Amino acid sequence: MKTQVTLEKEDIDHMHDVVYEVIMRTPSDEEIVRVWNALPERIQATAIHWGCSDTVFRDKMYEWLSENLREVNLP
């Protein structure tokens, strides 16, 4: 069961660059939240434990998003 996490603006800001690198345009905050909600629990757990600025989280997020971009439905 997925735990619902409310992202702070700071968390969204930390994920912005990762999403930008994958989609090659500036993502909206709503798109970043959509990416967060689509991430597997194991990747979210890394962010919850270490923070969204953590390099390991950002690397895992980049890898997952690069492979699963269609699943997130970002234009």
N, C-alpha and C. Protein backbone atom coordinates (compact mmCIF):
# COMPACT_ATOMS: atom_id res chain seq x y z
N MET A 1 0.84 -1.18 0.00
CA MET A 1 0.00 0.00 0.00
C MET A 1 0.89 1.24 0.00
N LYS A 2 0.62 2.15 -0.93
CA LYS A 2 1.42 3.35 -1.06
C LYS A 2 1.02 4.38 -0.03
N THR A 3 2.01 4.95 0.63
CA THR A 3 1.77 6.01 1.59
C THR A 3 1.65 7.34 0.85
N GLN A 4 0.66 8.12 1.19
CA GLN A 4 0.47 9.43 0.57
C GLN A 4 1.40 10.43 1.23
N VAL A 5 2.24 11.09 0.43
CA VAL A 5 3.19 12.06 0.92
C VAL A 5 2.88 13.40 0.28
N THR A 6 2.82 14.44 1.10
CA THR A 6 2.62 15.78 0.58
C THR A 6 3.99 16.39 0.37
N LEU A 7 4.27 16.75 -0.86
CA LEU A 7 5.58 17.33 -1.18
C LEU A 7 5.61 18.80 -0.83
N GLU A 8 6.70 19.23 -0.26
CA GLU A 8 6.94 20.64 0.01
C GLU A 8 7.52 21.27 -1.26
N LYS A 9 7.43 22.58 -1.37
CA LYS A 9 7.98 23.28 -2.53
C LYS A 9 9.47 22.97 -2.68
N GLU A 10 10.17 22.86 -1.59
CA GLU A 10 11.59 22.53 -1.61
C GLU A 10 11.84 21.17 -2.27
N ASP A 11 10.97 20.19 -1.99
CA ASP A 11 11.10 18.87 -2.60
C ASP A 11 10.90 18.96 -4.11
N ILE A 12 9.89 19.69 -4.51
CA ILE A 12 9.60 19.87 -5.94
C ILE A 12 10.78 20.54 -6.62
N ASP A 13 11.35 21.54 -5.97
CA ASP A 13 12.50 22.24 -6.54
C ASP A 13 13.69 21.30 -6.74
N HIS A 14 13.91 20.38 -5.81
CA HIS A 14 15.02 19.44 -5.92
C HIS A 14 14.80 18.46 -7.07
N MET A 15 13.56 18.11 -7.34
CA MET A 15 13.27 17.15 -8.42
C MET A 15 13.20 17.82 -9.79
N HIS A 16 13.05 19.13 -9.82
CA HIS A 16 12.88 19.87 -11.07
C HIS A 16 13.98 19.57 -12.08
N ASP A 17 15.23 19.66 -11.67
CA ASP A 17 16.34 19.48 -12.61
C ASP A 17 16.38 18.07 -13.18
N VAL A 18 16.04 17.10 -12.37
CA VAL A 18 16.04 15.71 -12.85
C VAL A 18 14.98 15.54 -13.94
N VAL A 19 13.78 16.04 -13.67
CA VAL A 19 12.71 15.91 -14.66
C VAL A 19 13.07 16.70 -15.92
N TYR A 20 13.63 17.88 -15.75
CA TYR A 20 14.05 18.69 -16.89
C TYR A 20 15.04 17.93 -17.78
N GLU A 21 16.01 17.27 -17.17
CA GLU A 21 17.01 16.53 -17.94
C GLU A 21 16.40 15.42 -18.77
N VAL A 22 15.31 14.84 -18.30
CA VAL A 22 14.68 13.74 -19.03
C VAL A 22 13.75 14.26 -20.12
N ILE A 23 12.91 15.25 -19.81
CA ILE A 23 11.91 15.69 -20.79
C ILE A 23 12.40 16.85 -21.66
N MET A 24 13.54 17.44 -21.31
CA MET A 24 14.17 18.49 -22.10
C MET A 24 13.31 19.75 -22.26
N ARG A 25 12.56 20.06 -21.24
CA ARG A 25 11.82 21.32 -21.15
C ARG A 25 11.51 21.56 -19.69
N THR A 26 11.09 22.77 -19.35
CA THR A 26 10.79 23.10 -17.96
C THR A 26 9.46 22.44 -17.56
N PRO A 27 9.49 21.57 -16.56
CA PRO A 27 8.26 20.93 -16.11
C PRO A 27 7.49 21.84 -15.15
N SER A 28 6.19 21.71 -15.15
CA SER A 28 5.37 22.43 -14.16
C SER A 28 5.45 21.68 -12.83
N ASP A 29 5.06 22.35 -11.77
CA ASP A 29 5.03 21.69 -10.46
C ASP A 29 4.07 20.50 -10.49
N GLU A 30 2.97 20.64 -11.20
CA GLU A 30 1.99 19.55 -11.30
C GLU A 30 2.60 18.33 -11.99
N GLU A 31 3.42 18.56 -13.01
CA GLU A 31 4.07 17.45 -13.70
C GLU A 31 5.08 16.76 -12.77
N ILE A 32 5.77 17.53 -11.98
CA ILE A 32 6.74 16.95 -11.04
C ILE A 32 6.01 16.10 -10.00
N VAL A 33 4.88 16.58 -9.53
CA VAL A 33 4.09 15.80 -8.57
C VAL A 33 3.59 14.52 -9.25
N ARG A 34 3.21 14.59 -10.52
CA ARG A 34 2.77 13.40 -11.25
C ARG A 34 3.91 12.39 -11.34
N VAL A 35 5.11 12.86 -11.58
CA VAL A 35 6.27 11.96 -11.61
C VAL A 35 6.46 11.32 -10.24
N TRP A 36 6.41 12.12 -9.19
CA TRP A 36 6.56 11.59 -7.83
C TRP A 36 5.53 10.48 -7.56
N ASN A 37 4.28 10.73 -7.91
CA ASN A 37 3.22 9.75 -7.65
C ASN A 37 3.40 8.47 -8.45
N ALA A 38 4.10 8.55 -9.59
CA ALA A 38 4.32 7.37 -10.42
C ALA A 38 5.56 6.57 -10.00
N LEU A 39 6.45 7.19 -9.24
CA LEU A 39 7.68 6.50 -8.82
C LEU A 39 7.36 5.27 -7.99
N PRO A 40 8.13 4.22 -8.16
CA PRO A 40 7.97 3.03 -7.30
C PRO A 40 8.22 3.39 -5.83
N GLU A 41 7.59 2.66 -4.96
CA GLU A 41 7.71 2.91 -3.52
C GLU A 41 9.16 2.88 -3.04
N ARG A 42 9.96 1.99 -3.60
CA ARG A 42 11.37 1.88 -3.15
C ARG A 42 12.14 3.16 -3.43
N ILE A 43 11.82 3.84 -4.53
CA ILE A 43 12.50 5.10 -4.85
C ILE A 43 11.95 6.22 -3.98
N GLN A 44 10.64 6.25 -3.78
CA GLN A 44 10.05 7.24 -2.87
C GLN A 44 10.61 7.07 -1.47
N ALA A 45 10.79 5.83 -1.04
CA ALA A 45 11.30 5.58 0.31
C ALA A 45 12.70 6.16 0.49
N THR A 46 13.51 6.12 -0.55
CA THR A 46 14.84 6.72 -0.48
C THR A 46 14.72 8.22 -0.23
N ALA A 47 13.80 8.87 -0.95
CA ALA A 47 13.60 10.32 -0.78
C ALA A 47 13.05 10.64 0.60
N ILE A 48 12.13 9.83 1.08
CA ILE A 48 11.55 10.07 2.40
C ILE A 48 12.63 9.92 3.48
N HIS A 49 13.48 8.94 3.31
CA HIS A 49 14.53 8.69 4.31
C HIS A 49 15.65 9.72 4.24
N TRP A 50 16.13 10.04 3.04
CA TRP A 50 17.32 10.88 2.89
C TRP A 50 17.03 12.29 2.37
N GLY A 51 15.84 12.50 1.83
CA GLY A 51 15.49 13.81 1.28
C GLY A 51 15.56 13.81 -0.25
N CYS A 52 14.81 14.70 -0.85
CA CYS A 52 14.75 14.77 -2.32
C CYS A 52 16.02 15.35 -2.93
N SER A 53 16.87 15.94 -2.11
CA SER A 53 18.13 16.47 -2.63
C SER A 53 19.23 15.39 -2.66
N ASP A 54 18.94 14.23 -2.13
CA ASP A 54 19.92 13.15 -2.04
C ASP A 54 20.32 12.65 -3.43
N THR A 55 21.60 12.49 -3.65
CA THR A 55 22.12 12.06 -4.94
C THR A 55 21.62 10.68 -5.33
N VAL A 56 21.56 9.76 -4.40
CA VAL A 56 21.09 8.41 -4.71
C VAL A 56 19.63 8.47 -5.17
N PHE A 57 18.79 9.23 -4.47
CA PHE A 57 17.40 9.37 -4.89
C PHE A 57 17.31 9.97 -6.28
N ARG A 58 18.04 11.04 -6.52
CA ARG A 58 17.97 11.73 -7.81
C ARG A 58 18.47 10.83 -8.94
N ASP A 59 19.51 10.05 -8.70
CA ASP A 59 20.00 9.11 -9.71
C ASP A 59 18.97 8.03 -10.02
N LYS A 60 18.36 7.48 -8.96
CA LYS A 60 17.34 6.44 -9.17
C LYS A 60 16.12 7.01 -9.88
N MET A 61 15.74 8.22 -9.52
CA MET A 61 14.61 8.88 -10.17
C MET A 61 14.91 9.09 -11.65
N TYR A 62 16.10 9.57 -11.97
CA TYR A 62 16.49 9.80 -13.36
C TYR A 62 16.43 8.50 -14.16
N GLU A 63 17.02 7.45 -13.63
CA GLU A 63 17.03 6.16 -14.32
C GLU A 63 15.61 5.66 -14.55
N TRP A 64 14.79 5.69 -13.51
CA TRP A 64 13.42 5.19 -13.63
C TRP A 64 12.62 6.03 -14.64
N LEU A 65 12.70 7.34 -14.52
CA LEU A 65 11.93 8.22 -15.40
C LEU A 65 12.39 8.07 -16.85
N SER A 66 13.66 7.92 -17.08
CA SER A 66 14.17 7.73 -18.44
C SER A 66 13.58 6.48 -19.08
N GLU A 67 13.40 5.44 -18.28
CA GLU A 67 12.88 4.17 -18.79
C GLU A 67 11.35 4.12 -18.81
N ASN A 68 10.68 4.97 -18.04
CA ASN A 68 9.23 4.87 -17.86
C ASN A 68 8.49 6.16 -18.19
N LEU A 69 9.06 6.98 -19.03
CA LEU A 69 8.47 8.29 -19.33
C LEU A 69 7.04 8.16 -19.85
N ARG A 70 6.77 7.19 -20.69
CA ARG A 70 5.41 7.00 -21.22
C ARG A 70 4.40 6.71 -20.11
N GLU A 71 4.83 5.99 -19.11
CA GLU A 71 3.95 5.63 -18.00
C GLU A 71 3.46 6.86 -17.24
N VAL A 72 4.25 7.92 -17.25
CA VAL A 72 3.92 9.14 -16.51
C VAL A 72 3.04 10.08 -17.34
N ASN A 73 3.02 9.88 -18.67
CA ASN A 73 2.20 10.69 -19.58
C ASN A 73 2.56 12.17 -19.55
N LEU A 74 3.83 12.47 -19.67
CA LEU A 74 4.24 13.87 -19.79
C LEU A 74 4.33 14.19 -21.28
N PRO A 75 3.75 15.30 -21.69
CA PRO A 75 3.80 15.66 -23.12
C PRO A 75 5.20 15.98 -23.58
